[in-house]
Amino acid sequence: AMGWYRQAPGKQRELIASISSPSREQYVDSVKGRFTISRDNAKNT
């Protein structure tokens, strides 16, 4: 499973979006509806 984390100044790194293989997606409330995570396993991206 892969995810995107972010770290703002003065704050700790936090997970904001994740995706399992093949394609189950989860988001924190602050980005839900605005961000979309996806993966291409053939391209390892």
PDB file of all heavy atoms in Angstrom:
ATOM      1  N   ALA A   1       0.855  -1.172   0.000  1.00  0.00           N
ATOM      2  CA  ALA A   1       0.000   0.000   0.000  1.00  0.00           C
ATOM      3  C   ALA A   1       0.899   1.232   0.000  1.00  0.00           C
ATOM      4  O   ALA A   1       1.958   1.238   0.635  1.00  0.00           O
ATOM      5  CB  ALA A   1      -0.908   0.018   1.227  1.00  0.00           C
ATOM      6  N   MET A   2       0.503   2.255  -0.732  1.00  0.00           N
ATOM      7  CA  MET A   2       1.292   3.473  -0.843  1.00  0.00           C
ATOM      8  C   MET A   2       0.489   4.668  -0.360  1.00  0.00           C
ATOM      9  O   MET A   2      -0.742   4.649  -0.354  1.00  0.00           O
ATOM     10  CB  MET A   2       1.727   3.705  -2.291  1.00  0.00           C
ATOM     11  CG  MET A   2       2.605   2.616  -2.869  1.00  0.00           C
ATOM     12  SD  MET A   2       4.238   2.528  -2.063  1.00  0.00           S
ATOM     13  CE  MET A   2       4.949   4.103  -2.540  1.00  0.00           C
ATOM     14  N   GLY A   3       1.202   5.709   0.028  1.00  0.00           N
ATOM     15  CA  GLY A   3       0.516   6.889   0.502  1.00  0.00           C
ATOM     16  C   GLY A   3       1.297   8.156   0.254  1.00  0.00           C
ATOM     17  O   GLY A   3       2.491   8.130  -0.040  1.00  0.00           O
ATOM     18  N   TRP A   4       0.583   9.267   0.365  1.00  0.00           N
ATOM     19  CA  TRP A   4       1.195  10.583   0.351  1.00  0.00           C
ATOM     20  C   TRP A   4       1.128  11.162   1.750  1.00  0.00           C
ATOM     21  O   TRP A   4       0.073  11.139   2.401  1.00  0.00           O
ATOM     22  CB  TRP A   4       0.492  11.519  -0.637  1.00  0.00           C
ATOM     23  CG  TRP A   4       0.855  11.241  -2.061  1.00  0.00           C
ATOM     24  CD1 TRP A   4       0.177  10.477  -2.952  1.00  0.00           C
ATOM     25  CD2 TRP A   4       2.011  11.742  -2.744  1.00  0.00           C
ATOM     26  NE1 TRP A   4       0.825  10.461  -4.161  1.00  0.00           N
ATOM     27  CE2 TRP A   4       1.954  11.227  -4.059  1.00  0.00           C
ATOM     28  CE3 TRP A   4       3.083  12.566  -2.378  1.00  0.00           C
ATOM     29  CZ2 TRP A   4       2.937  11.519  -5.015  1.00  0.00           C
ATOM     30  CZ3 TRP A   4       4.061  12.853  -3.326  1.00  0.00           C
ATOM     31  CH2 TRP A   4       3.975  12.333  -4.624  1.00  0.00           C
ATOM     32  N   TYR A   5       2.257  11.660   2.199  1.00  0.00           N
ATOM     33  CA  TYR A   5       2.388  12.314   3.486  1.00  0.00           C
ATOM     34  C   TYR A   5       2.756  13.776   3.243  1.00  0.00           C
ATOM     35  O   TYR A   5       3.331  14.114   2.215  1.00  0.00           O
ATOM     36  CB  TYR A   5       3.491  11.674   4.324  1.00  0.00           C
ATOM     37  CG  TYR A   5       3.353  10.184   4.575  1.00  0.00           C
ATOM     38  CD1 TYR A   5       3.628   9.258   3.568  1.00  0.00           C
ATOM     39  CD2 TYR A   5       2.981   9.707   5.825  1.00  0.00           C
ATOM     40  CE1 TYR A   5       3.528   7.894   3.800  1.00  0.00           C
ATOM     41  CE2 TYR A   5       2.882   8.344   6.071  1.00  0.00           C
ATOM     42  CZ  TYR A   5       3.154   7.440   5.060  1.00  0.00           C
ATOM     43  OH  TYR A   5       3.062   6.093   5.299  1.00  0.00           O
ATOM     44  N   ARG A   6       2.448  14.629   4.194  1.00  0.00           N
ATOM     45  CA  ARG A   6       2.899  16.010   4.074  1.00  0.00           C
ATOM     46  C   ARG A   6       3.327  16.538   5.429  1.00  0.00           C
ATOM     47  O   ARG A   6       2.851  16.086   6.470  1.00  0.00           O
ATOM     48  CB  ARG A   6       1.829  16.909   3.450  1.00  0.00           C
ATOM     49  CG  ARG A   6       0.600  17.176   4.310  1.00  0.00           C
ATOM     50  CD  ARG A   6      -0.391  18.017   3.520  1.00  0.00           C
ATOM     51  NE  ARG A   6      -1.573  18.339   4.291  1.00  0.00           N
ATOM     52  CZ  ARG A   6      -2.642  18.940   3.798  1.00  0.00           C
ATOM     53  NH1 ARG A   6      -2.690  19.293   2.513  1.00  0.00           N
ATOM     54  NH2 ARG A   6      -3.678  19.204   4.591  1.00  0.00           N
ATOM     55  N   GLN A   7       4.228  17.489   5.384  1.00  0.00           N
ATOM     56  CA  GLN A   7       4.746  18.102   6.596  1.00  0.00           C
ATOM     57  C   GLN A   7       4.811  19.609   6.401  1.00  0.00           C
ATOM     58  O   GLN A   7       5.561  20.104   5.567  1.00  0.00           O
ATOM     59  CB  GLN A   7       6.129  17.553   6.946  1.00  0.00           C
ATOM     60  CG  GLN A   7       6.673  18.058   8.268  1.00  0.00           C
ATOM     61  CD  GLN A   7       7.918  17.317   8.695  1.00  0.00           C
ATOM     62  OE1 GLN A   7       8.686  16.834   7.862  1.00  0.00           O
ATOM     63  NE2 GLN A   7       8.123  17.213  10.000  1.00  0.00           N
ATOM     64  N   ALA A   8       4.006  20.315   7.162  1.00  0.00           N
ATOM     65  CA  ALA A   8       4.014  21.769   7.153  1.00  0.00           C
ATOM     66  C   ALA A   8       5.001  22.260   8.207  1.00  0.00           C
ATOM     67  O   ALA A   8       5.326  21.540   9.154  1.00  0.00           O
ATOM     68  CB  ALA A   8       2.618  22.308   7.438  1.00  0.00           C
ATOM     69  N   PRO A   9       5.486  23.497   8.065  1.00  0.00           N
ATOM     70  CA  PRO A   9       6.426  24.034   9.051  1.00  0.00           C
ATOM     71  C   PRO A   9       5.865  23.963  10.467  1.00  0.00           C
ATOM     72  O   PRO A   9       4.723  24.350  10.718  1.00  0.00           O
ATOM     73  CB  PRO A   9       6.614  25.481   8.602  1.00  0.00           C
ATOM     74  CG  PRO A   9       6.363  25.446   7.133  1.00  0.00           C
ATOM     75  CD  PRO A   9       5.256  24.435   6.960  1.00  0.00           C
ATOM     76  N   GLY A  10       6.667  23.451  11.385  1.00  0.00           N
ATOM     77  CA  GLY A  10       6.254  23.361  12.770  1.00  0.00           C
ATOM     78  C   GLY A  10       5.323  22.215  13.093  1.00  0.00           C
ATOM     79  O   GLY A  10       4.876  22.095  14.235  1.00  0.00           O
ATOM     80  N   LYS A  11       5.030  21.376  12.122  1.00  0.00           N
ATOM     81  CA  LYS A  11       4.135  20.253  12.337  1.00  0.00           C
ATOM     82  C   LYS A  11       4.824  18.946  11.971  1.00  0.00           C
ATOM     83  O   LYS A  11       5.796  18.928  11.221  1.00  0.00           O
ATOM     84  CB  LYS A  11       2.858  20.409  11.514  1.00  0.00           C
ATOM     85  CG  LYS A  11       2.023  21.633  11.866  1.00  0.00           C
ATOM     86  CD  LYS A  11       0.758  21.682  11.041  1.00  0.00           C
ATOM     87  CE  LYS A  11      -0.094  22.880  11.410  1.00  0.00           C
ATOM     88  NZ  LYS A  11      -1.337  22.939  10.595  1.00  0.00           N
ATOM     89  N   GLN A  12       4.308  17.857  12.499  1.00  0.00           N
ATOM     90  CA  GLN A  12       4.868  16.560  12.170  1.00  0.00           C
ATOM     91  C   GLN A  12       4.303  16.055  10.845  1.00  0.00           C
ATOM     92  O   GLN A  12       3.250  16.495  10.389  1.00  0.00           O
ATOM     93  CB  GLN A  12       4.601  15.548  13.284  1.00  0.00           C
ATOM     94  CG  GLN A  12       3.155  15.129  13.436  1.00  0.00           C
ATOM     95  CD  GLN A  12       2.980  14.055  14.486  1.00  0.00           C
ATOM     96  OE1 GLN A  12       3.735  13.984  15.453  1.00  0.00           O
ATOM     97  NE2 GLN A  12       1.981  13.206  14.312  1.00  0.00           N
ATOM     98  N   ARG A  13       5.013  15.139  10.249  1.00  0.00           N
ATOM     99  CA  ARG A  13       4.566  14.544   8.999  1.00  0.00           C
ATOM    100  C   ARG A  13       3.300  13.726   9.249  1.00  0.00           C
ATOM    101  O   ARG A  13       3.207  12.982  10.223  1.00  0.00           O
ATOM    102  CB  ARG A  13       5.683  13.666   8.432  1.00  0.00           C
ATOM    103  CG  ARG A  13       5.378  13.090   7.080  1.00  0.00           C
ATOM    104  CD  ARG A  13       6.592  12.486   6.373  1.00  0.00           C
ATOM    105  NE  ARG A  13       7.756  12.279   7.179  1.00  0.00           N
ATOM    106  CZ  ARG A  13       8.998  12.498   6.761  1.00  0.00           C
ATOM    107  NH1 ARG A  13       9.228  12.964   5.538  1.00  0.00           N
ATOM    108  NH2 ARG A  13      10.018  12.256   7.567  1.00  0.00           N
ATOM    109  N   GLU A  14       2.330  13.864   8.371  1.00  0.00           N
ATOM    110  CA  GLU A  14       1.090  13.135   8.518  1.00  0.00           C
ATOM    111  C   GLU A  14       0.672  12.500   7.203  1.00  0.00           C
ATOM    112  O   GLU A  14       0.903  13.043   6.127  1.00  0.00           O
ATOM    113  CB  GLU A  14      -0.032  14.044   9.027  1.00  0.00           C
ATOM    114  CG  GLU A  14      -0.432  15.148   8.064  1.00  0.00           C
ATOM    115  CD  GLU A  14      -1.673  15.907   8.503  1.00  0.00           C
ATOM    116  OE1 GLU A  14      -2.401  15.410   9.389  1.00  0.00           O
ATOM    117  OE2 GLU A  14      -1.918  16.996   7.954  1.00  0.00           O
ATOM    118  N   LEU A  15       0.039  11.362   7.304  1.00  0.00           N
ATOM    119  CA  LEU A  15      -0.500  10.676   6.143  1.00  0.00           C
ATOM    120  C   LEU A  15      -1.803  11.338   5.740  1.00  0.00           C
ATOM    121  O   LEU A  15      -2.707  11.495   6.561  1.00  0.00           O
ATOM    122  CB  LEU A  15      -0.729   9.199   6.465  1.00  0.00           C
ATOM    123  CG  LEU A  15      -1.359   8.325   5.383  1.00  0.00           C
ATOM    124  CD1 LEU A  15      -0.411   8.163   4.197  1.00  0.00           C
ATOM    125  CD2 LEU A  15      -1.734   6.963   5.966  1.00  0.00           C
ATOM    126  N   ILE A  16      -1.931  11.711   4.469  1.00  0.00           N
ATOM    127  CA  ILE A  16      -3.142  12.374   4.016  1.00  0.00           C
ATOM    128  C   ILE A  16      -3.937  11.559   3.005  1.00  0.00           C
ATOM    129  O   ILE A  16      -5.138  11.781   2.830  1.00  0.00           O
ATOM    130  CB  ILE A  16      -2.850  13.768   3.420  1.00  0.00           C
ATOM    131  CG1 ILE A  16      -1.926  13.659   2.204  1.00  0.00           C
ATOM    132  CG2 ILE A  16      -2.252  14.676   4.494  1.00  0.00           C
ATOM    133  CD1 ILE A  16      -1.827  14.931   1.404  1.00  0.00           C
ATOM    134  N   ALA A  17      -3.290  10.618   2.335  1.00  0.00           N
ATOM    135  CA  ALA A  17      -3.968   9.799   1.349  1.00  0.00           C
ATOM    136  C   ALA A  17      -3.237   8.485   1.186  1.00  0.00           C
ATOM    137  O   ALA A  17      -2.011   8.438   1.246  1.00  0.00           O
ATOM    138  CB  ALA A  17      -4.054  10.513  -0.003  1.00  0.00           C
ATOM    139  N   SER A  18      -3.973   7.412   0.992  1.00  0.00           N
ATOM    140  CA  SER A  18      -3.355   6.108   0.811  1.00  0.00           C
ATOM    141  C   SER A  18      -4.107   5.325  -0.242  1.00  0.00           C
ATOM    142  O   SER A  18      -5.285   5.578  -0.511  1.00  0.00           O
ATOM    143  CB  SER A  18      -3.306   5.325   2.125  1.00  0.00           C
ATOM    144  OG  SER A  18      -4.615   5.021   2.581  1.00  0.00           O
ATOM    145  N   ILE A  19      -3.411   4.367  -0.816  1.00  0.00           N
ATOM    146  CA  ILE A  19      -4.027   3.508  -1.814  1.00  0.00           C
ATOM    147  C   ILE A  19      -3.412   2.123  -1.712  1.00  0.00           C
ATOM    148  O   ILE A  19      -2.201   1.956  -1.680  1.00  0.00           O
ATOM    149  CB  ILE A  19      -3.875   4.101  -3.233  1.00  0.00           C
ATOM    150  CG1 ILE A  19      -4.611   3.235  -4.263  1.00  0.00           C
ATOM    151  CG2 ILE A  19      -2.405   4.288  -3.605  1.00  0.00           C
ATOM    152  CD1 ILE A  19      -4.774   3.918  -5.616  1.00  0.00           C
ATOM    153  N   SER A  20      -4.262   1.146  -1.640  1.00  0.00           N
ATOM    154  CA  SER A  20      -3.811  -0.234  -1.613  1.00  0.00           C
ATOM    155  C   SER A  20      -3.642  -0.739  -3.028  1.00  0.00           C
ATOM    156  O   SER A  20      -3.930  -0.032  -3.994  1.00  0.00           O
ATOM    157  CB  SER A  20      -4.812  -1.102  -0.851  1.00  0.00           C
ATOM    158  OG  SER A  20      -6.066  -1.122  -1.510  1.00  0.00           O
ATOM    159  N   SER A  21      -3.144  -1.939  -3.151  1.00  0.00           N
ATOM    160  CA  SER A  21      -3.057  -2.580  -4.459  1.00  0.00           C
ATOM    161  C   SER A  21      -4.143  -3.629  -4.545  1.00  0.00           C
ATOM    162  O   SER A  21      -4.194  -4.524  -3.695  1.00  0.00           O
ATOM    163  CB  SER A  21      -1.672  -3.192  -4.657  1.00  0.00           C
ATOM    164  OG  SER A  21      -1.538  -3.695  -5.964  1.00  0.00           O
ATOM    165  N   PRO A  22      -5.071  -3.505  -5.516  1.00  0.00           N
ATOM    166  CA  PRO A  22      -4.921  -2.664  -6.698  1.00  0.00           C
ATOM    167  C   PRO A  22      -5.326  -1.206  -6.552  1.00  0.00           C
ATOM    168  O   PRO A  22      -4.650  -0.327  -7.095  1.00  0.00           O
ATOM    169  CB  PRO A  22      -5.814  -3.350  -7.727  1.00  0.00           C
ATOM    170  CG  PRO A  22      -6.892  -3.993  -6.923  1.00  0.00           C
ATOM    171  CD  PRO A  22      -6.204  -4.455  -5.655  1.00  0.00           C
ATOM    172  N   SER A  23      -6.430  -0.878  -5.822  1.00  0.00           N
ATOM    173  CA  SER A  23      -6.867   0.509  -5.935  1.00  0.00           C
ATOM    174  C   SER A  23      -7.861   1.003  -4.884  1.00  0.00           C
ATOM    175  O   SER A  23      -8.726   1.813  -5.189  1.00  0.00           O
ATOM    176  CB  SER A  23      -7.475   0.743  -7.323  1.00  0.00           C
ATOM    177  OG  SER A  23      -8.572  -0.127  -7.532  1.00  0.00           O
ATOM    178  N   ARG A  24      -7.770   0.559  -3.649  1.00  0.00           N
ATOM    179  CA  ARG A  24      -8.626   1.104  -2.601  1.00  0.00           C
ATOM    180  C   ARG A  24      -8.009   2.383  -2.054  1.00  0.00           C
ATOM    181  O   ARG A  24      -6.857   2.394  -1.637  1.00  0.00           O
ATOM    182  CB  ARG A  24      -8.830   0.100  -1.461  1.00  0.00           C
ATOM    183  CG  ARG A  24      -9.931   0.508  -0.496  1.00  0.00           C
ATOM    184  CD  ARG A  24     -10.059  -0.445   0.668  1.00  0.00           C
ATOM    185  NE  ARG A  24      -9.084  -0.167   1.706  1.00  0.00           N
ATOM    186  CZ  ARG A  24      -7.999  -0.889   1.938  1.00  0.00           C
ATOM    187  NH1 ARG A  24      -7.746  -1.957   1.196  1.00  0.00           N
ATOM    188  NH2 ARG A  24      -7.170  -0.561   2.907  1.00  0.00           N
ATOM    189  N   GLU A  25      -8.781   3.470  -2.041  1.00  0.00           N
ATOM    190  CA  GLU A  25      -8.293   4.787  -1.666  1.00  0.00           C
ATOM    191  C   GLU A  25      -8.884   5.258  -0.346  1.00  0.00           C
ATOM    192  O   GLU A  25     -10.056   5.030  -0.067  1.00  0.00           O
ATOM    193  CB  GLU A  25      -8.640   5.805  -2.758  1.00  0.00           C
ATOM    194  CG  GLU A  25      -8.196   5.409  -4.147  1.00  0.00           C
ATOM    195  CD  GLU A  25      -8.894   6.211  -5.212  1.00  0.00           C
ATOM    196  OE1 GLU A  25      -9.318   7.351  -4.920  1.00  0.00           O
ATOM    197  OE2 GLU A  25      -9.017   5.714  -6.342  1.00  0.00           O
ATOM    198  N   GLN A  26      -8.077   5.957   0.441  1.00  0.00           N
ATOM    199  CA  GLN A  26      -8.539   6.573   1.677  1.00  0.00           C
ATOM    200  C   GLN A  26      -7.890   7.938   1.836  1.00  0.00           C
ATOM    201  O   GLN A  26      -6.755   8.146   1.418  1.00  0.00           O
ATOM    202  CB  GLN A  26      -8.235   5.698   2.888  1.00  0.00           C
ATOM    203  CG  GLN A  26      -9.032   4.398   2.923  1.00  0.00           C
ATOM    204  CD  GLN A  26      -8.901   3.665   4.230  1.00  0.00           C
ATOM    205  OE1 GLN A  26      -7.812   3.560   4.781  1.00  0.00           O
ATOM    206  NE2 GLN A  26     -10.009   3.162   4.744  1.00  0.00           N
ATOM    207  N   TYR A  27      -8.613   8.869   2.475  1.00  0.00           N
ATOM    208  CA  TYR A  27      -8.153  10.236   2.629  1.00  0.00           C
ATOM    209  C   TYR A  27      -8.505  10.763   4.002  1.00  0.00           C
ATOM    210  O   TYR A  27      -9.506  10.360   4.598  1.00  0.00           O
ATOM    211  CB  TYR A  27      -8.804  11.157   1.589  1.00  0.00           C
ATOM    212  CG  TYR A  27      -8.661  10.707   0.158  1.00  0.00           C
ATOM    213  CD1 TYR A  27      -9.600   9.870  -0.419  1.00  0.00           C
ATOM    214  CD2 TYR A  27      -7.587  11.129  -0.605  1.00  0.00           C
ATOM    215  CE1 TYR A  27      -9.470   9.457  -1.736  1.00  0.00           C
ATOM    216  CE2 TYR A  27      -7.447  10.730  -1.923  1.00  0.00           C
ATOM    217  CZ  TYR A  27      -8.395   9.887  -2.481  1.00  0.00           C
ATOM    218  OH  TYR A  27      -8.256   9.485  -3.789  1.00  0.00           O
ATOM    219  N   VAL A  28      -7.693  11.696   4.484  1.00  0.00           N
ATOM    220  CA  VAL A  28      -8.088  12.434   5.664  1.00  0.00           C
ATOM    221  C   VAL A  28      -9.151  13.446   5.260  1.00  0.00           C
ATOM    222  O   VAL A  28      -9.253  13.837   4.095  1.00  0.00           O
ATOM    223  CB  VAL A  28      -6.893  13.152   6.326  1.00  0.00           C
ATOM    224  CG1 VAL A  28      -5.899  12.141   6.863  1.00  0.00           C
ATOM    225  CG2 VAL A  28      -6.217  14.110   5.359  1.00  0.00           C
ATOM    226  N   ASP A  29      -9.960  13.859   6.218  1.00  0.00           N
ATOM    227  CA  ASP A  29     -11.086  14.729   5.922  1.00  0.00           C
ATOM    228  C   ASP A  29     -10.668  16.051   5.278  1.00  0.00           C
ATOM    229  O   ASP A  29     -11.398  16.601   4.449  1.00  0.00           O
ATOM    230  CB  ASP A  29     -11.896  15.017   7.186  1.00  0.00           C
ATOM    231  CG  ASP A  29     -12.691  13.818   7.658  1.00  0.00           C
ATOM    232  OD1 ASP A  29     -12.899  12.884   6.862  1.00  0.00           O
ATOM    233  OD2 ASP A  29     -13.117  13.821   8.830  1.00  0.00           O
ATOM    234  N   SER A  30      -9.506  16.563   5.638  1.00  0.00           N
ATOM    235  CA  SER A  30      -9.088  17.865   5.147  1.00  0.00           C
ATOM    236  C   SER A  30      -8.828  17.899   3.641  1.00  0.00           C
ATOM    237  O   SER A  30      -8.849  18.974   3.041  1.00  0.00           O
ATOM    238  CB  SER A  30      -7.840  18.348   5.894  1.00  0.00           C
ATOM    239  OG  SER A  30      -6.767  17.444   5.718  1.00  0.00           O
ATOM    240  N   VAL A  31      -8.581  16.747   3.027  1.00  0.00           N
ATOM    241  CA  VAL A  31      -8.317  16.715   1.589  1.00  0.00           C
ATOM    242  C   VAL A  31      -9.369  15.937   0.821  1.00  0.00           C
ATOM    243  O   VAL A  31      -9.376  15.970  -0.419  1.00  0.00           O
ATOM    244  CB  VAL A  31      -6.923  16.141   1.266  1.00  0.00           C
ATOM    245  CG1 VAL A  31      -5.848  16.860   2.067  1.00  0.00           C
ATOM    246  CG2 VAL A  31      -6.870  14.638   1.525  1.00  0.00           C
ATOM    247  N   LYS A  32     -10.255  15.259   1.505  1.00  0.00           N
ATOM    248  CA  LYS A  32     -11.270  14.452   0.846  1.00  0.00           C
ATOM    249  C   LYS A  32     -12.142  15.319  -0.054  1.00  0.00           C
ATOM    250  O   LYS A  32     -12.609  16.379   0.343  1.00  0.00           O
ATOM    251  CB  LYS A  32     -12.124  13.739   1.888  1.00  0.00           C
ATOM    252  CG  LYS A  32     -13.067  12.679   1.327  1.00  0.00           C
ATOM    253  CD  LYS A  32     -13.788  11.940   2.455  1.00  0.00           C
ATOM    254  CE  LYS A  32     -12.805  11.209   3.346  1.00  0.00           C
ATOM    255  NZ  LYS A  32     -13.484  10.442   4.427  1.00  0.00           N
ATOM    256  N   GLY A  33     -12.337  14.861  -1.274  1.00  0.00           N
ATOM    257  CA  GLY A  33     -13.114  15.609  -2.245  1.00  0.00           C
ATOM    258  C   GLY A  33     -12.293  16.564  -3.078  1.00  0.00           C
ATOM    259  O   GLY A  33     -12.779  17.069  -4.096  1.00  0.00           O
ATOM    260  N   ARG A  34     -11.063  16.836  -2.664  1.00  0.00           N
ATOM    261  CA  ARG A  34     -10.178  17.737  -3.403  1.00  0.00           C
ATOM    262  C   ARG A  34      -8.974  17.009  -4.001  1.00  0.00           C
ATOM    263  O   ARG A  34      -8.507  17.378  -5.072  1.00  0.00           O
ATOM    264  CB  ARG A  34      -9.678  18.865  -2.505  1.00  0.00           C
ATOM    265  CG  ARG A  34     -10.783  19.731  -1.927  1.00  0.00           C
ATOM    266  CD  ARG A  34     -10.215  20.951  -1.197  1.00  0.00           C
ATOM    267  NE  ARG A  34      -9.373  20.564  -0.066  1.00  0.00           N
ATOM    268  CZ  ARG A  34      -8.075  20.881   0.048  1.00  0.00           C
ATOM    269  NH1 ARG A  34      -7.476  21.587  -0.899  1.00  0.00           N
ATOM    270  NH2 ARG A  34      -7.393  20.507   1.120  1.00  0.00           N
ATOM    271  N   PHE A  35      -8.467  16.006  -3.298  1.00  0.00           N
ATOM    272  CA  PHE A  35      -7.282  15.269  -3.738  1.00  0.00           C
ATOM    273  C   PHE A  35      -7.687  13.873  -4.185  1.00  0.00           C
ATOM    274  O   PHE A  35      -8.611  13.262  -3.624  1.00  0.00           O
ATOM    275  CB  PHE A  35      -6.266  15.130  -2.603  1.00  0.00           C
ATOM    276  CG  PHE A  35      -5.602  16.411  -2.167  1.00  0.00           C
ATOM    277  CD1 PHE A  35      -6.022  17.643  -2.641  1.00  0.00           C
ATOM    278  CD2 PHE A  35      -4.545  16.367  -1.263  1.00  0.00           C
ATOM    279  CE1 PHE A  35      -5.406  18.819  -2.227  1.00  0.00           C
ATOM    280  CE2 PHE A  35      -3.923  17.530  -0.846  1.00  0.00           C
ATOM    281  CZ  PHE A  35      -4.354  18.756  -1.325  1.00  0.00           C
ATOM    282  N   THR A  36      -6.969  13.351  -5.163  1.00  0.00           N
ATOM    283  CA  THR A  36      -7.191  11.997  -5.637  1.00  0.00           C
ATOM    284  C   THR A  36      -5.857  11.276  -5.759  1.00  0.00           C
ATOM    285  O   THR A  36      -4.961  11.746  -6.457  1.00  0.00           O
ATOM    286  CB  THR A  36      -7.895  11.984  -7.003  1.00  0.00           C
ATOM    287  OG1 THR A  36      -9.156  12.663  -6.902  1.00  0.00           O
ATOM    288  CG2 THR A  36      -8.141  10.547  -7.458  1.00  0.00           C
ATOM    289  N   ILE A  37      -5.729  10.148  -5.083  1.00  0.00           N
ATOM    290  CA  ILE A  37      -4.534   9.337  -5.186  1.00  0.00           C
ATOM    291  C   ILE A  37      -4.797   8.199  -6.160  1.00  0.00           C
ATOM    292  O   ILE A  37      -5.900   7.657  -6.215  1.00  0.00           O
ATOM    293  CB  ILE A  37      -4.100   8.796  -3.802  1.00  0.00           C
ATOM    294  CG1 ILE A  37      -2.733   8.115  -3.878  1.00  0.00           C
ATOM    295  CG2 ILE A  37      -5.154   7.873  -3.214  1.00  0.00           C
ATOM    296  CD1 ILE A  37      -2.154   7.751  -2.510  1.00  0.00           C
ATOM    297  N   SER A  38      -3.794   7.864  -6.938  1.00  0.00           N
ATOM    298  CA  SER A  38      -3.915   6.767  -7.879  1.00  0.00           C
ATOM    299  C   SER A  38      -2.553   6.108  -8.039  1.00  0.00           C
ATOM    300  O   SER A  38      -1.535   6.648  -7.614  1.00  0.00           O
ATOM    301  CB  SER A  38      -4.453   7.246  -9.235  1.00  0.00           C
ATOM    302  OG  SER A  38      -3.582   8.198  -9.816  1.00  0.00           O
ATOM    303  N   ARG A  39      -2.549   4.940  -8.638  1.00  0.00           N
ATOM    304  CA  ARG A  39      -1.285   4.250  -8.855  1.00  0.00           C
ATOM    305  C   ARG A  39      -1.308   3.511 -10.174  1.00  0.00           C
ATOM    306  O   ARG A  39      -2.358   3.088 -10.669  1.00  0.00           O
ATOM    307  CB  ARG A  39      -0.976   3.275  -7.701  1.00  0.00           C
ATOM    308  CG  ARG A  39      -1.913   2.077  -7.612  1.00  0.00           C
ATOM    309  CD  ARG A  39      -1.686   1.310  -6.304  1.00  0.00           C
ATOM    310  NE  ARG A  39      -0.353   0.738  -6.233  1.00  0.00           N
ATOM    311  CZ  ARG A  39       0.249   0.355  -5.096  1.00  0.00           C
ATOM    312  NH1 ARG A  39      -0.381   0.520  -3.938  1.00  0.00           N
ATOM    313  NH2 ARG A  39       1.464  -0.173  -5.126  1.00  0.00           N
ATOM    314  N   ASP A  40      -0.127   3.355 -10.737  1.00  0.00           N
ATOM    315  CA  ASP A  40       0.066   2.594 -11.958  1.00  0.00           C
ATOM    316  C   ASP A  40       1.153   1.582 -11.647  1.00  0.00           C
ATOM    317  O   ASP A  40       2.338   1.904 -11.669  1.00  0.00           O
ATOM    318  CB  ASP A  40       0.465   3.505 -13.112  1.00  0.00           C
ATOM    319  CG  ASP A  40       0.523   2.774 -14.445  1.00  0.00           C
ATOM    320  OD1 ASP A  40       0.685   1.539 -14.454  1.00  0.00           O
ATOM    321  OD2 ASP A  40       0.411   3.448 -15.489  1.00  0.00           O
ATOM    322  N   ASN A  41       0.740   0.373 -11.326  1.00  0.00           N
ATOM    323  CA  ASN A  41       1.708  -0.648 -10.926  1.00  0.00           C
ATOM    324  C   ASN A  41       2.669  -1.020 -12.055  1.00  0.00           C
ATOM    325  O   ASN A  41       3.816  -1.379 -11.797  1.00  0.00           O
ATOM    326  CB  ASN A  41       0.981  -1.891 -10.429  1.00  0.00           C
ATOM    327  CG  ASN A  41       0.346  -1.689  -9.073  1.00  0.00           C
ATOM    328  OD1 ASN A  41       0.697  -0.770  -8.335  1.00  0.00           O
ATOM    329  ND2 ASN A  41      -0.604  -2.553  -8.730  1.00  0.00           N
ATOM    330  N   ALA A  42       2.205  -0.939 -13.291  1.00  0.00           N
ATOM    331  CA  ALA A  42       3.071  -1.248 -14.425  1.00  0.00           C
ATOM    332  C   ALA A  42       4.218  -0.255 -14.539  1.00  0.00           C
ATOM    333  O   ALA A  42       5.291  -0.588 -15.040  1.00  0.00           O
ATOM    334  CB  ALA A  42       2.269  -1.281 -15.718  1.00  0.00           C
ATOM    335  N   LYS A  43       3.982   0.985 -14.088  1.00  0.00           N
ATOM    336  CA  LYS A  43       5.002   2.025 -14.142  1.00  0.00           C
ATOM    337  C   LYS A  43       5.655   2.273 -12.791  1.00  0.00           C
ATOM    338  O   LYS A  43       6.503   3.155 -12.668  1.00  0.00           O
ATOM    339  CB  LYS A  43       4.406   3.330 -14.662  1.00  0.00           C
ATOM    340  CG  LYS A  43       3.907   3.261 -16.093  1.00  0.00           C
ATOM    341  CD  LYS A  43       3.376   4.607 -16.546  1.00  0.00           C
ATOM    342  CE  LYS A  43       2.929   4.558 -17.989  1.00  0.00           C
ATOM    343  NZ  LYS A  43       2.406   5.869 -18.449  1.00  0.00           N
ATOM    344  N   ASN A  44       5.266   1.511 -11.777  1.00  0.00           N
ATOM    345  CA  ASN A  44       5.804   1.678 -10.424  1.00  0.00           C
ATOM    346  C   ASN A  44       5.695   3.127  -9.957  1.00  0.00           C
ATOM    347  O   ASN A  44       6.644   3.696  -9.407  1.00  0.00           O
ATOM    348  CB  ASN A  44       7.261   1.207 -10.362  1.00  0.00           C
ATOM    349  CG  ASN A  44       7.419  -0.237 -10.769  1.00  0.00           C
ATOM    350  OD1 ASN A  44       6.740  -1.111 -10.237  1.00  0.00           O
ATOM    351  ND2 ASN A  44       8.313  -0.489 -11.717  1.00  0.00           N
ATOM    352  N   THR A  45       4.526   3.706 -10.161  1.00  0.00           N
ATOM    353  CA  THR A  45       4.321   5.122  -9.889  1.00  0.00           C
ATOM    354  C   THR A  45       3.008   5.348  -9.161  1.00  0.00           C
ATOM    355  O   THR A  45       2.006   4.684  -9.450  1.00  0.00           O
ATOM    356  CB  THR A  45       4.332   5.933 -11.192  1.00  0.00           C
ATOM    357  OG1 THR A  45       5.573   5.712 -11.881  1.00  0.00           O
ATOM    358  CG2 THR A  45       4.189   7.416 -10.914  1.00  0.00           C
TER     359      THR A  45
END
